[in-house]
Protein backbone atom coordinates (compact mmCIF):
# COMPACT_ATOMS: atom_id res chain seq x y z
CA MET A 1 -151.01 45.01 -61.37
CA ASP A 2 -151.53 43.80 -57.21
CA TYR A 3 -154.46 46.28 -57.16
CA VAL A 4 -156.40 45.05 -59.94
CA ILE A 5 -155.66 41.39 -59.15
CA THR A 6 -156.93 42.05 -55.57
CA LYS A 7 -160.13 43.88 -56.37
CA THR A 8 -160.90 41.58 -59.43
CA ARG A 9 -160.02 38.49 -58.17
CA ARG A 10 -158.31 37.23 -61.34
CA LYS A 11 -155.36 37.03 -62.83
CA VAL A 12 -154.89 39.72 -65.71
CA SER A 13 -152.33 39.86 -68.03
CA ASN A 14 -150.36 43.25 -68.61
CA THR A 15 -151.57 43.50 -71.66
CA THR A 16 -155.05 44.06 -70.87
CA VAL A 17 -154.13 45.92 -67.71
CA SER A 18 -152.02 48.89 -70.65
CA ARG A 19 -155.00 48.60 -72.93
CA ASP A 20 -157.56 49.53 -70.55
CA LEU A 21 -155.34 52.25 -68.83
CA LYS A 22 -155.37 53.65 -73.12
CA LYS A 23 -158.84 53.61 -73.76
CA LEU A 24 -159.43 55.09 -70.16
CA ILE A 25 -156.63 58.28 -70.95
CA LYS A 26 -157.97 58.15 -74.19
CA MET A 27 -161.79 58.79 -72.68
CA GLY A 28 -160.69 61.58 -70.71
CA PHE A 29 -161.76 59.17 -67.60
CA ILE A 30 -157.56 59.32 -66.04
CA GLU A 31 -154.61 60.90 -66.63
CA LYS A 32 -150.94 60.10 -66.45
CA ARG A 33 -148.95 62.65 -64.81
CA ASN A 34 -144.94 61.53 -63.35
CA ASP A 35 -145.65 58.23 -63.84
CA GLU A 36 -148.82 58.14 -61.57
CA TYR A 37 -152.62 57.75 -62.72
CA ARG A 38 -155.13 60.16 -61.10
CA ILE A 39 -158.52 61.05 -62.07
CA PRO A 40 -159.15 64.44 -63.55
CA ASP A 41 -162.74 64.76 -62.42
CA PRO A 42 -163.03 65.72 -58.94
CA ILE A 43 -166.69 64.31 -59.15
CA ILE A 44 -165.76 61.03 -60.51
CA ARG A 45 -162.95 60.88 -58.48
CA TYR A 46 -165.26 61.49 -55.39
CA ALA A 47 -167.65 58.75 -56.05
CA LEU A 48 -164.91 56.31 -57.27
CA LEU A 49 -163.03 56.85 -53.47
CA GLU A 50 -166.76 56.47 -51.98
CA GLU A 51 -167.71 53.60 -53.49
CA ASP A 52 -164.53 51.72 -51.60
CA ILE A 53 -165.03 53.05 -47.96
C-alpha cells in the first residue's frame, strides 16, 4: 500500500489494491508466492525494473 500511495501520490483504498492485484494475477502479469507478489515473466520484470532506475 505504501509503495502504491508513494508512486501514485494518491490515497488508494485496500479494496482497489486487492481488486487490481487479483486482475493482474488472473492476466498472468504477477503471481503470489509465500505472501509476496512477483513478476514471473523476465522480460516484463526487466522492463519494469529498468523504468524505475
